[in-house]
Amino acid sequence: MSDYLVIGAGAIGRAVAEQLAAAKHRVKIVSRSGSGPIHPLISRISADAAEAGRATELAGETKAIFNCANPPYNRWPSDWPPIADALLSAAERSGAVLVTMSNLYAYGRPTGPMTPETPFTADYEKARVRARMWREALDAHRAGRLRATEVRASDFIGPDSQSLMGLRVIPRVLAGKSCQILGNPDMAHSWTYTQDVARALIACAQQPAAWGLAWHAPTNPPRTQRQVIDDIADVAGVSHVKVSSIPIAVLRVMGLFSPLIRELPKTMYQFTSPFVIDDTRSREVLGLEPTPWRDVLGTTVESYRM
């Protein structure tokens, strides 16, 4: 028997599993490849989370299911619904708390700092998929069929994360090369540390006050993309580099050949106007604080130098 079940072995799933194991909990981490951290308390399992029967079997007698899955970006509309439905069924049948890792897409274009109560106004398909997942989990929670909660985060920053401030930026800064970014380099933007996301997910699993609500992962004050790139250079002890924006027209041409890039213009508002989250409730109710910004960058930069 394991204490917790983690679905997905990406940056967040791995961080959740590692933090739980460090706290002496037994963990199953599930991915199609069977990958994950190597630790005596972590069992790595190859399985398809969209198979409801298998998901229920794996969830048996666990305290919580962490949905940290990450289907390919261009396949969210087809891949997410069966995973979400399977994990709802697994949580209902096993009695485990369902904790879902989510994002800010469903809010749509913000008019100010986003809170967990900000209405869902986005009208593009990927945002509707995420909105549907939360509404169905919340409906099941309110009906007493299961216990559910959700943690939302902004763009990730941290080791091994698929992030705008990851492979496309940090290696170039370390090499003294210019960086091209999406949108306006001087708009305020929230950046959430992957380890802080994991801490929020675990807190929501373990604190009954979190159930039936959505939460924002603790996040440092917003920084523009240019500021983040300059901060990375400062922490790394290298010179600042030139920062420029990729023209929308170029993205559209690239999108003709890449399904992933083809989706970017739909969410470009996140980088052309302020995109800031309010994590007040997570700090006040769950007692969470973000890792200091300089520590976030130090750990992240060091991971690229290893």
Protein backbone atom coordinates (compact mmCIF):
# COMPACT_ATOMS: atom_id res chain seq x y z
CA MET A 1 0.00 0.00 0.00
CA SER A 2 1.15 3.56 -0.73
CA ASP A 3 0.10 6.70 1.05
CA TYR A 4 -0.19 8.82 -2.10
CA LEU A 5 -0.67 8.38 -5.85
CA VAL A 6 0.95 10.86 -8.24
CA ILE A 7 -0.17 10.88 -11.87
CA GLY A 8 2.50 12.29 -14.17
CA ALA A 9 6.29 12.27 -13.92
CA GLY A 10 7.04 15.74 -15.24
CA ALA A 11 8.61 18.53 -13.20
CA ILE A 12 5.60 18.91 -10.88
CA GLY A 13 4.81 15.22 -10.43
CA ARG A 14 8.45 14.49 -9.65
CA ALA A 15 8.61 17.36 -7.15
CA VAL A 16 5.44 16.18 -5.39
CA ALA A 17 6.74 12.62 -5.15
CA GLU A 18 10.15 13.74 -3.88
CA GLN A 19 8.69 16.05 -1.25
CA LEU A 20 6.30 13.36 -0.01
CA ALA A 21 9.09 10.77 0.15
CA ALA A 22 11.32 13.24 2.03
CA ALA A 23 8.49 13.47 4.59
CA LYS A 24 8.56 9.64 4.93
CA HIS A 25 5.42 8.95 2.91
CA ARG A 26 5.14 6.04 0.49
CA VAL A 27 4.34 7.15 -3.05
CA LYS A 28 3.31 5.62 -6.35
CA ILE A 29 4.21 7.77 -9.36
CA VAL A 30 2.49 6.80 -12.59
CA SER A 31 3.39 7.63 -16.17
CA ARG A 32 3.21 5.81 -19.46
CA SER A 33 6.99 5.44 -19.49
CA GLY A 34 7.24 4.32 -15.87
CA SER A 35 9.76 7.08 -15.13
CA GLY A 36 10.16 9.10 -11.96
CA PRO A 37 12.50 9.84 -9.07
CA ILE A 38 14.59 7.04 -7.62
CA HIS A 39 13.90 6.72 -3.90
CA PRO A 40 13.19 3.76 -1.57
CA LEU A 41 9.71 5.11 -0.80
CA ILE A 42 8.75 5.85 -4.41
CA SER A 43 7.32 3.14 -6.67
CA ARG A 44 7.51 3.99 -10.37
CA ILE A 45 4.67 2.48 -12.39
CA SER A 46 3.95 2.36 -16.10
CA ALA A 47 0.24 2.82 -16.76
CA ASP A 48 -2.27 4.86 -18.75
CA ALA A 49 -4.13 7.21 -16.40
CA ALA A 50 -7.02 7.41 -18.87
CA GLU A 51 -7.95 3.80 -18.09
CA ALA A 52 -10.49 4.19 -15.29
CA GLY A 53 -10.21 0.63 -13.99
CA ARG A 54 -6.43 0.79 -13.73
CA ALA A 55 -6.56 4.25 -12.13
CA THR A 56 -9.02 2.98 -9.51
CA GLU A 57 -6.85 -0.05 -8.82
CA LEU A 58 -3.77 2.15 -8.28
CA ALA A 59 -5.71 4.57 -6.06
CA GLY A 60 -6.87 1.87 -3.65
CA GLU A 61 -6.22 2.81 -0.01
CA THR A 62 -4.23 5.94 -0.88
CA LYS A 63 -4.91 9.20 0.93
CA ALA A 64 -4.83 11.41 -2.15
CA ILE A 65 -4.48 11.34 -5.92
CA PHE A 66 -2.36 14.12 -7.42
CA ASN A 67 -3.29 14.83 -11.02
CA CYS A 68 -0.01 16.23 -12.38
CA ALA A 69 -0.47 14.78 -15.85
CA ASN A 70 0.68 16.89 -18.80
CA PRO A 71 -0.71 15.76 -22.16
CA PRO A 72 0.87 17.29 -25.27
CA TYR A 73 -0.26 20.90 -25.54
CA ASN A 74 -1.90 20.50 -28.92
CA ARG A 75 -3.84 17.42 -27.77
CA TRP A 76 -5.50 18.77 -24.65
CA PRO A 77 -9.05 18.64 -26.10
CA SER A 78 -8.72 14.93 -26.91
CA ASP A 79 -6.40 13.71 -24.14
CA TRP A 80 -7.56 15.56 -21.04
CA PRO A 81 -11.24 14.48 -20.78
CA PRO A 82 -10.57 10.72 -20.47
CA ILE A 83 -7.81 11.32 -17.90
CA ALA A 84 -9.99 13.68 -15.87
CA ASP A 85 -12.97 11.30 -16.00
CA ALA A 86 -10.83 8.31 -14.99
CA LEU A 87 -9.38 10.13 -11.98
CA LEU A 88 -12.79 11.38 -10.88
CA SER A 89 -13.96 7.77 -10.92
CA ALA A 90 -10.84 6.61 -9.06
CA ALA A 91 -11.27 9.25 -6.36
CA GLU A 92 -14.95 8.43 -5.92
CA ARG A 93 -14.38 4.69 -5.65
CA SER A 94 -11.27 4.82 -3.48
CA GLY A 95 -12.18 7.70 -1.18
CA ALA A 96 -8.88 9.44 -1.93
CA VAL A 97 -8.79 13.23 -2.13
CA LEU A 98 -8.39 14.39 -5.74
CA VAL A 99 -5.85 17.20 -6.06
CA THR A 100 -5.51 18.65 -9.55
CA MET A 101 -2.65 20.75 -10.86
CA SER A 102 -4.07 23.43 -13.14
CA ASN A 103 -3.26 26.79 -14.73
CA LEU A 104 -4.79 30.21 -15.34
CA TYR A 105 -6.14 29.71 -18.86
CA ALA A 106 -9.82 29.51 -17.89
CA TYR A 107 -9.81 33.05 -16.49
CA GLY A 108 -9.21 34.49 -19.93
CA ARG A 109 -7.84 38.00 -20.45
CA PRO A 110 -7.43 39.54 -16.97
CA THR A 111 -8.57 43.02 -15.98
CA GLY A 112 -6.51 42.97 -12.78
CA PRO A 113 -4.80 40.49 -10.45
CA MET A 114 -6.46 37.07 -10.73
CA THR A 115 -7.85 35.37 -7.61
CA PRO A 116 -9.23 31.82 -7.33
CA GLU A 117 -12.71 33.39 -7.53
CA THR A 118 -12.05 35.22 -10.80
CA PRO A 119 -14.78 34.14 -13.26
CA PHE A 120 -13.94 31.84 -16.13
CA THR A 121 -14.31 33.99 -19.26
CA ALA A 122 -11.93 32.38 -21.76
CA ASP A 123 -13.62 31.13 -24.92
CA TYR A 124 -10.87 29.09 -26.61
CA GLU A 125 -10.94 25.32 -26.50
CA LYS A 126 -8.00 24.59 -24.21
CA ALA A 127 -9.33 26.98 -21.57
CA ARG A 128 -12.78 25.42 -21.80
CA VAL A 129 -11.23 21.99 -21.22
CA ARG A 130 -9.57 23.14 -17.99
CA ALA A 131 -12.76 24.92 -16.86
CA ARG A 132 -14.81 21.81 -17.47
CA MET A 133 -12.39 19.68 -15.44
CA TRP A 134 -12.73 21.91 -12.39
CA ARG A 135 -16.50 22.33 -12.66
CA GLU A 136 -17.05 18.58 -12.88
CA ALA A 137 -14.74 17.91 -9.93
CA LEU A 138 -16.43 20.65 -7.91
CA ASP A 139 -19.91 19.36 -8.75
CA ALA A 140 -18.88 15.88 -7.60
CA HIS A 141 -17.42 17.32 -4.40
CA ARG A 142 -20.55 19.32 -3.63
CA ALA A 143 -22.68 16.26 -4.29
CA GLY A 144 -20.67 14.37 -1.67
CA ARG A 145 -19.34 11.82 -4.15
CA LEU A 146 -15.69 12.69 -3.50
CA ARG A 147 -13.34 15.32 -2.07
CA ALA A 148 -11.64 17.56 -4.60
CA THR A 149 -9.40 20.60 -4.71
CA GLU A 150 -7.34 22.36 -7.37
CA VAL A 151 -4.09 24.33 -7.38
CA ARG A 152 -3.46 26.87 -10.14
CA ALA A 153 -0.10 28.35 -11.01
CA SER A 154 1.30 30.83 -13.48
CA ASP A 155 4.19 30.10 -15.85
CA PHE A 156 6.69 27.78 -14.20
CA ILE A 157 10.25 28.56 -13.33
CA GLY A 158 12.59 25.95 -11.91
CA PRO A 159 14.84 23.02 -12.83
CA ASP A 160 13.51 20.66 -15.52
CA SER A 161 10.34 22.67 -16.10
CA GLN A 162 8.89 23.15 -19.57
CA SER A 163 9.00 26.89 -19.24
CA LEU A 164 9.43 30.07 -21.22
CA MET A 165 12.33 30.82 -18.89
CA GLY A 166 13.86 27.39 -19.34
CA LEU A 167 15.74 25.92 -22.28
CA ARG A 168 14.97 28.84 -24.60
CA VAL A 169 16.43 31.41 -22.22
CA ILE A 170 18.79 30.25 -19.47
CA PRO A 171 21.41 28.49 -21.63
CA ARG A 172 21.54 31.55 -23.89
CA VAL A 173 21.98 33.93 -20.94
CA LEU A 174 24.78 31.76 -19.55
CA ALA A 175 26.44 31.83 -22.97
CA GLY A 176 26.04 35.62 -23.30
CA LYS A 177 23.63 35.29 -26.24
CA SER A 178 20.56 37.44 -26.95
CA CYS A 179 17.06 36.11 -26.11
CA GLN A 180 13.80 36.27 -28.04
CA ILE A 181 10.63 36.08 -25.99
CA LEU A 182 6.87 36.06 -26.54
CA GLY A 183 4.92 39.30 -26.34
CA ASN A 184 5.96 42.49 -24.62
CA PRO A 185 9.20 42.06 -22.63
CA ASP A 186 8.19 44.85 -20.24
CA MET A 187 4.78 43.66 -19.01
CA ALA A 188 4.36 42.46 -15.41
CA HIS A 189 4.01 38.68 -15.24
CA SER A 190 3.75 36.11 -12.45
CA TRP A 191 6.27 33.24 -12.34
CA THR A 192 5.65 30.26 -10.06
CA TYR A 193 8.48 28.07 -8.74
CA THR A 194 7.90 24.39 -9.39
CA GLN A 195 8.82 23.38 -5.83
CA ASP A 196 6.28 25.87 -4.48
CA VAL A 197 3.61 24.35 -6.72
CA ALA A 198 4.39 20.93 -5.26
CA ARG A 199 4.20 22.27 -1.69
CA ALA A 200 0.79 23.79 -2.45
CA LEU A 201 -0.53 20.55 -3.90
CA ILE A 202 0.57 18.60 -0.84
CA ALA A 203 -0.87 21.19 1.54
CA CYS A 204 -4.21 21.01 -0.27
CA ALA A 205 -4.22 17.22 -0.02
CA GLN A 206 -3.51 17.25 3.69
CA GLN A 207 -5.61 20.19 4.92
CA PRO A 208 -9.42 19.66 4.92
CA ALA A 209 -9.87 23.44 4.76
CA ALA A 210 -8.59 23.26 1.17
CA TRP A 211 -11.15 20.76 -0.09
CA GLY A 212 -13.93 22.04 -2.32
CA LEU A 213 -11.93 25.15 -3.26
CA ALA A 214 -9.37 26.26 -5.84
CA TRP A 215 -6.06 27.78 -4.74
CA HIS A 216 -3.19 29.71 -6.23
CA ALA A 217 0.29 28.38 -5.59
CA PRO A 218 2.42 30.84 -3.58
CA THR A 219 4.17 33.09 -6.07
CA ASN A 220 6.71 35.88 -5.81
CA PRO A 221 5.80 39.44 -6.88
CA PRO A 222 5.52 39.80 -10.67
CA ARG A 223 8.57 40.47 -12.82
CA THR A 224 8.67 41.41 -16.49
CA GLN A 225 10.36 39.01 -18.86
CA ARG A 226 13.21 41.46 -19.28
CA GLN A 227 13.62 41.73 -15.51
CA VAL A 228 13.65 37.95 -15.12
CA ILE A 229 16.33 37.57 -17.79
CA ASP A 230 18.41 40.31 -16.16
CA ASP A 231 17.89 38.66 -12.74
CA ILE A 232 19.09 35.33 -14.15
CA ALA A 233 22.23 37.01 -15.48
CA ASP A 234 22.87 38.70 -12.13
CA VAL A 235 22.49 35.47 -10.18
CA ALA A 236 24.70 33.65 -12.68
CA GLY A 237 27.32 36.36 -12.51
CA VAL A 238 27.26 37.10 -16.24
CA SER A 239 26.52 40.20 -18.30
CA HIS A 240 22.99 41.21 -19.27
CA VAL A 241 21.95 40.18 -22.77
CA LYS A 242 19.76 41.78 -25.43
CA VAL A 243 16.06 40.90 -25.17
CA SER A 244 13.67 41.16 -28.12
CA SER A 245 10.17 39.96 -28.97
CA ILE A 246 9.26 37.35 -31.59
CA PRO A 247 6.85 38.99 -34.08
CA ILE A 248 3.36 37.48 -34.20
CA ALA A 249 3.69 37.09 -37.97
CA VAL A 250 6.75 34.88 -37.45
CA LEU A 251 4.86 32.72 -34.94
CA ARG A 252 2.02 32.27 -37.39
CA VAL A 253 4.40 31.11 -40.12
CA MET A 254 6.15 28.75 -37.70
CA GLY A 255 2.75 27.46 -36.66
CA LEU A 256 2.17 26.17 -40.19
CA PHE A 257 4.80 23.53 -39.44
CA SER A 258 4.35 23.03 -35.68
CA PRO A 259 1.03 22.19 -33.94
CA LEU A 260 2.50 23.41 -30.65
CA ILE A 261 3.51 26.84 -31.94
CA ARG A 262 0.21 27.11 -33.83
CA GLU A 263 -1.58 27.37 -30.47
CA LEU A 264 0.50 30.22 -29.05
CA PRO A 265 -1.33 33.21 -30.60
CA LYS A 266 -4.51 32.20 -28.73
CA THR A 267 -2.80 32.84 -25.38
CA MET A 268 -0.62 35.76 -26.41
CA TYR A 269 -2.70 38.10 -24.21
CA GLN A 270 -0.80 36.61 -21.28
CA PHE A 271 2.34 38.35 -22.56
CA THR A 272 0.96 41.56 -24.04
CA SER A 273 -0.75 42.89 -20.90
CA PRO A 274 -0.17 42.44 -17.15
CA PHE A 275 -0.71 38.81 -16.11
CA VAL A 276 -0.59 38.64 -12.33
CA ILE A 277 -2.04 36.26 -9.73
CA ASP A 278 -3.13 36.98 -6.19
CA ASP A 279 -2.12 34.20 -3.78
CA THR A 280 -3.39 35.88 -0.61
CA ARG A 281 -5.74 33.08 0.40
CA SER A 282 -3.02 30.43 0.11
CA ARG A 283 -0.76 32.46 2.36
CA GLU A 284 -3.42 33.28 4.94
CA VAL A 285 -5.30 29.96 5.10
CA LEU A 286 -2.71 27.35 4.12
CA GLY A 287 0.27 29.17 5.61
CA LEU A 288 2.25 29.03 2.37
CA GLU A 289 4.93 31.50 1.30
CA PRO A 290 6.93 31.48 -1.95
CA THR A 291 10.58 30.53 -1.97
CA PRO A 292 12.66 33.75 -2.07
CA TRP A 293 13.18 34.85 -5.66
CA ARG A 294 16.96 34.83 -5.57
CA ASP A 295 16.94 31.27 -4.20
CA VAL A 296 14.56 30.22 -6.99
CA LEU A 297 16.92 31.58 -9.63
CA GLY A 298 20.04 30.24 -7.92
CA THR A 299 18.69 26.70 -7.87
CA THR A 300 17.41 26.99 -11.42
CA VAL A 301 20.62 28.37 -12.88
CA GLU A 302 22.71 25.76 -11.04
CA SER A 303 20.62 22.98 -12.59
CA TYR A 304 21.61 24.20 -16.06
CA ARG A 305 25.28 24.24 -15.13
CA MET A 306 25.38 20.66 -13.92
